[in-house]
């Protein structure tokens, strides 16, 4: 008797939009019901595939925002790109009850595992905060003891994704620290002028190299390269620096 095929990570699954939350004017979180979801690690991503009525297909990869889980629901936070082929549909058109296809989880290098005892430094630029948020949520959910620091670089206050949730983690998760870094416009009374992320920012708000932290950096390519170079120049072990970057189409 032939055995039934068991769905794997590379199997396309129908995902139904159960809930949607507006994070910023251009970013939206999708809560998706995914039957037979195999679970994931914080930092992994999924492939998303859309199929038009004429059969045309478009596929993109998006980081998972939800904490590690073996439940049949995941969250994706999507940043809209005006010239994108997929993200405008996901942020502005997809409605509760609609279906898309997802495949994953994908990736095993840019992930945080609770078994790692080291302090963790997270550095995110723009929507690069999404996989880092999965790590923050996973730590809070499991009540892990490793100290976390997140340096989150954004253009302006209105561009902060998870602006209401992040302060709750600072309040409720002992050992989690957050520093918001603004590059174009800072809130009134903010002590630091807007600027690109630099040595002083990472040196002042990150862990020192002798703490041997695990470091995760995610964002646009130039942001990631700059942050990684600064970390190495400050004395951080390159083998402990894990990076993930994204390009300009979505």
Protein backbone atom coordinates (compact mmCIF):
# COMPACT_ATOMS: atom_id res chain seq x y z
CA UNK A 1 0.00 0.00 0.00
CA UNK A 2 1.40 3.42 -0.96
CA UNK A 3 2.00 5.86 1.86
CA UNK A 4 0.42 9.29 1.80
CA UNK A 5 2.89 12.10 1.22
CA UNK A 6 3.78 14.02 4.36
CA UNK A 7 3.90 17.81 3.85
CA UNK A 8 7.41 19.19 4.29
CA UNK A 9 9.05 22.60 4.57
CA UNK A 10 9.15 22.99 0.78
CA UNK A 11 5.48 22.13 0.33
CA UNK A 12 3.21 24.97 -0.75
CA UNK A 13 0.35 25.39 1.71
CA UNK A 14 -2.84 27.43 1.44
CA UNK A 15 -2.77 30.16 4.10
CA UNK A 16 -5.94 32.00 5.05
CA UNK A 17 -5.86 35.56 6.38
CA UNK A 18 -7.41 35.42 9.86
CA UNK A 19 -6.58 38.93 11.02
CA UNK A 20 -4.70 42.02 9.84
CA UNK A 21 -3.16 44.86 11.86
CA UNK A 22 -1.89 48.17 10.54
CA UNK A 23 1.57 48.83 12.02
CA UNK A 24 2.41 52.05 10.14
CA UNK A 25 0.98 53.81 7.10
CA UNK A 26 2.99 51.43 4.89
CA UNK A 27 3.39 48.29 7.03
CA UNK A 28 0.79 45.68 7.86
CA UNK A 29 0.87 42.51 9.95
CA UNK A 30 -0.92 39.48 8.51
CA UNK A 31 -2.07 36.72 10.86
CA UNK A 32 -2.33 33.59 8.73
CA UNK A 33 -3.94 30.25 9.44
CA UNK A 34 -1.68 27.60 7.91
CA UNK A 35 -2.88 23.99 8.29
CA UNK A 36 -0.14 21.46 9.03
CA UNK A 37 2.37 24.20 9.82
CA UNK A 38 5.53 22.37 10.99
CA UNK A 39 6.68 25.08 13.40
CA UNK A 40 9.58 27.48 13.02
CA UNK A 41 12.53 29.09 14.75
CA UNK A 42 12.68 32.85 15.41
CA UNK A 43 14.52 34.42 12.49
CA UNK A 44 13.27 32.09 9.76
CA UNK A 45 11.22 33.22 6.78
CA UNK A 46 8.64 31.92 4.33
CA UNK A 47 8.14 32.15 0.60
CA UNK A 48 4.82 33.72 -0.40
CA UNK A 49 3.26 33.00 -3.79
CA UNK A 50 0.40 34.86 -5.46
CA UNK A 51 -1.44 33.56 -8.52
CA UNK A 52 -3.39 35.93 -10.77
CA UNK A 53 -6.63 34.90 -12.51
CA UNK A 54 -4.70 34.54 -15.78
CA UNK A 55 -2.28 32.10 -14.14
CA UNK A 56 0.62 34.52 -13.69
CA UNK A 57 2.55 33.88 -10.48
CA UNK A 58 4.74 36.11 -8.35
CA UNK A 59 6.81 34.94 -5.40
CA UNK A 60 8.66 36.77 -2.62
CA UNK A 61 10.25 35.90 0.73
CA UNK A 62 9.15 37.46 4.02
CA UNK A 63 10.42 37.03 7.56
CA UNK A 64 8.17 35.44 10.15
CA UNK A 65 7.28 37.89 12.91
CA UNK A 66 5.67 35.51 15.37
CA UNK A 67 7.55 33.65 18.09
CA UNK A 68 8.61 30.09 17.47
CA UNK A 69 5.56 27.87 17.58
CA UNK A 70 4.16 24.57 16.42
CA UNK A 71 0.68 26.05 16.14
CA UNK A 72 -1.10 26.39 12.80
CA UNK A 73 -0.83 30.20 12.74
CA UNK A 74 2.00 32.53 11.78
CA UNK A 75 2.42 36.29 11.48
CA UNK A 76 4.12 38.21 8.69
CA UNK A 77 4.74 41.95 8.81
CA UNK A 78 4.94 43.35 5.31
CA UNK A 79 6.46 46.71 4.33
CA UNK A 80 4.84 48.13 1.20
CA UNK A 81 7.05 49.14 -1.71
CA UNK A 82 5.22 51.35 -4.20
CA UNK A 83 6.90 49.68 -7.17
CA UNK A 84 6.62 46.20 -5.66
CA UNK A 85 4.80 43.35 -7.32
CA UNK A 86 3.61 41.52 -4.21
CA UNK A 87 3.78 43.80 -1.16
CA UNK A 88 1.10 46.31 -2.33
CA UNK A 89 -1.39 43.47 -2.63
CA UNK A 90 -0.54 42.09 0.81
CA UNK A 91 -0.65 45.48 2.55
CA UNK A 92 -3.65 47.06 0.79
CA UNK A 93 -5.80 44.42 -0.95
CA UNK A 94 -5.74 41.07 0.87
CA UNK A 95 -8.84 40.71 3.07
CA UNK A 96 -9.76 38.44 5.96
CA UNK A 97 -10.79 35.10 4.52
CA UNK A 98 -8.65 35.44 1.40
CA UNK A 99 -5.99 32.86 0.71
CA UNK A 100 -2.37 33.00 -0.43
CA UNK A 101 0.25 30.26 -0.69
CA UNK A 102 3.19 29.95 1.69
CA UNK A 103 6.18 27.62 1.81
CA UNK A 104 8.55 27.14 4.69
CA UNK A 105 9.95 27.72 7.15
CA UNK A 106 13.17 28.56 5.32
CA UNK A 107 16.62 29.27 6.74
CA UNK A 108 18.61 27.83 9.60
CA UNK A 109 21.51 30.25 10.06
CA UNK A 110 19.87 33.57 10.96
CA UNK A 111 17.99 32.10 13.91
CA UNK A 112 18.10 32.46 17.69
CA UNK A 113 17.95 29.34 19.80
CA UNK A 114 17.07 29.53 23.47
CA UNK A 115 19.80 27.00 24.24
CA UNK A 116 22.43 29.63 23.39
CA UNK A 117 23.54 31.14 26.75
CA UNK A 118 25.15 34.33 25.43
CA UNK A 119 23.77 37.88 25.57
CA UNK A 120 22.06 38.91 22.34
CA UNK A 121 22.45 42.15 20.39
CA UNK A 122 19.83 42.87 17.75
CA UNK A 123 20.36 45.66 15.21
CA UNK A 124 17.49 46.37 12.82
CA UNK A 125 16.95 48.93 10.11
CA UNK A 126 13.39 49.71 9.01
CA UNK A 127 11.40 46.53 8.34
CA UNK A 128 14.56 44.58 9.19
CA UNK A 129 13.15 44.59 12.71
CA UNK A 130 10.65 41.86 11.76
CA UNK A 131 12.77 38.70 12.28
CA UNK A 132 14.35 40.37 15.32
CA UNK A 133 10.89 40.88 16.77
CA UNK A 134 10.28 37.15 16.43
CA UNK A 135 13.35 36.64 18.62
CA UNK A 136 12.16 39.22 21.18
CA UNK A 137 8.74 37.58 21.31
CA UNK A 138 10.23 34.10 21.63
CA UNK A 139 12.42 35.21 24.52
CA UNK A 140 9.46 36.80 26.29
CA UNK A 141 7.23 33.80 25.66
CA UNK A 142 9.75 31.32 27.08
CA UNK A 143 10.93 33.63 29.89
CA UNK A 144 14.51 33.07 28.79
CA UNK A 145 17.20 34.72 30.90
CA UNK A 146 19.69 35.81 28.24
CA UNK A 147 19.87 39.63 28.22
CA UNK A 148 18.69 41.18 24.94
CA UNK A 149 19.41 44.59 23.49
CA UNK A 150 17.68 45.93 20.39
CA UNK A 151 19.01 48.92 18.45
CA UNK A 152 16.21 49.83 16.04
CA UNK A 153 17.01 52.42 13.36
CA UNK A 154 14.10 54.17 11.62
CA UNK A 155 13.63 57.33 9.59
CA UNK A 156 11.05 58.98 11.85
CA UNK A 157 8.74 58.22 14.80
CA UNK A 158 5.79 57.35 12.56
CA UNK A 159 7.90 54.66 10.85
CA UNK A 160 8.38 52.61 14.03
CA UNK A 161 6.89 49.16 13.53
CA UNK A 162 5.48 47.53 16.71
CA UNK A 163 5.52 50.95 18.36
CA UNK A 164 3.03 49.89 21.04
CA UNK A 165 4.33 46.37 21.64
CA UNK A 166 8.04 47.11 21.99
CA UNK A 167 7.63 49.25 25.15
CA UNK A 168 5.59 46.43 26.69
CA UNK A 169 8.52 44.06 26.26
CA UNK A 170 10.79 46.61 27.93
CA UNK A 171 8.32 46.78 30.82
CA UNK A 172 7.40 43.11 31.13
CA UNK A 173 10.49 41.16 30.00
CA UNK A 174 13.36 41.66 32.48
CA UNK A 175 16.68 41.97 30.71
CA UNK A 176 15.31 43.40 27.45
CA UNK A 177 16.53 46.87 26.48
CA UNK A 178 15.48 49.00 23.50
CA UNK A 179 17.14 51.96 21.84
CA UNK A 180 15.37 53.79 19.02
CA UNK A 181 17.70 55.50 16.56
CA UNK A 182 16.26 58.09 14.18
CA UNK A 183 17.93 58.93 10.88
CA UNK A 184 15.79 61.79 9.48
CA UNK A 185 13.41 63.12 12.12
CA UNK A 186 13.49 62.59 15.86
CA UNK A 187 10.66 63.24 18.34
CA UNK A 188 10.53 66.61 20.03
CA UNK A 189 12.97 66.69 22.92
CA UNK A 190 14.89 63.64 21.75
CA UNK A 191 18.46 63.87 23.11
CA UNK A 192 20.21 62.77 19.91
CA UNK A 193 20.00 64.52 16.53
CA UNK A 194 18.90 62.44 13.53
CA UNK A 195 21.82 60.71 11.81
CA UNK A 196 22.84 57.47 10.18
CA UNK A 197 23.83 54.67 12.50
CA UNK A 198 27.47 55.04 13.49
CA UNK A 199 30.22 53.81 15.79
CA UNK A 200 29.02 55.90 18.72
CA UNK A 201 25.48 54.49 18.50
CA UNK A 202 26.54 50.84 18.51
CA UNK A 203 29.33 51.38 21.02
CA UNK A 204 27.01 53.19 23.46
CA UNK A 205 23.91 51.02 23.16
CA UNK A 206 25.22 47.58 22.19
CA UNK A 207 27.03 44.97 24.24
CA UNK A 208 30.82 45.31 24.57
CA UNK A 209 32.84 42.71 22.64
CA UNK A 210 34.18 41.06 25.80
CA UNK A 211 30.61 40.00 26.65
CA UNK A 212 30.84 37.72 23.55
CA UNK A 213 27.26 38.44 22.46
CA UNK A 214 25.45 36.73 19.63
CA UNK A 215 24.66 39.51 17.16
CA UNK A 216 21.88 39.62 14.57
CA UNK A 217 21.74 42.46 12.03
CA UNK A 218 18.89 42.84 9.52
CA UNK A 219 17.88 45.62 7.13
CA UNK A 220 18.75 47.15 3.77
CA UNK A 221 22.07 46.06 2.30
CA UNK A 222 23.99 49.29 2.98
CA UNK A 223 22.68 49.43 6.56
CA UNK A 224 23.70 45.84 7.26
CA UNK A 225 27.15 46.29 5.74
CA UNK A 226 27.76 49.47 7.74
CA UNK A 227 26.63 47.94 11.03
CA UNK A 228 28.65 44.76 10.47
CA UNK A 229 31.79 46.76 9.66
CA UNK A 230 31.34 48.84 12.81
CA UNK A 231 30.88 45.74 14.96
CA UNK A 232 34.08 44.18 13.64
CA UNK A 233 35.98 47.46 14.10
CA UNK A 234 34.78 47.57 17.71
CA UNK A 235 36.26 44.12 18.29
CA UNK A 236 33.27 41.81 17.94
CA UNK A 237 33.99 38.30 16.72
CA UNK A 238 32.87 38.10 13.06
CA UNK A 239 31.83 34.49 13.64
CA UNK A 240 29.19 35.71 16.10
CA UNK A 241 27.73 38.29 13.73
CA UNK A 242 24.84 37.00 11.66
CA UNK A 243 23.37 39.21 8.97
CA UNK A 244 20.30 39.21 6.77
CA UNK A 245 19.65 41.85 4.15
CA UNK A 246 16.89 42.63 1.72
CA UNK A 247 16.84 44.33 -1.65
CA UNK A 248 14.47 46.73 -3.30
CA UNK A 249 11.69 44.59 -4.80
CA UNK A 250 8.79 43.09 -2.95
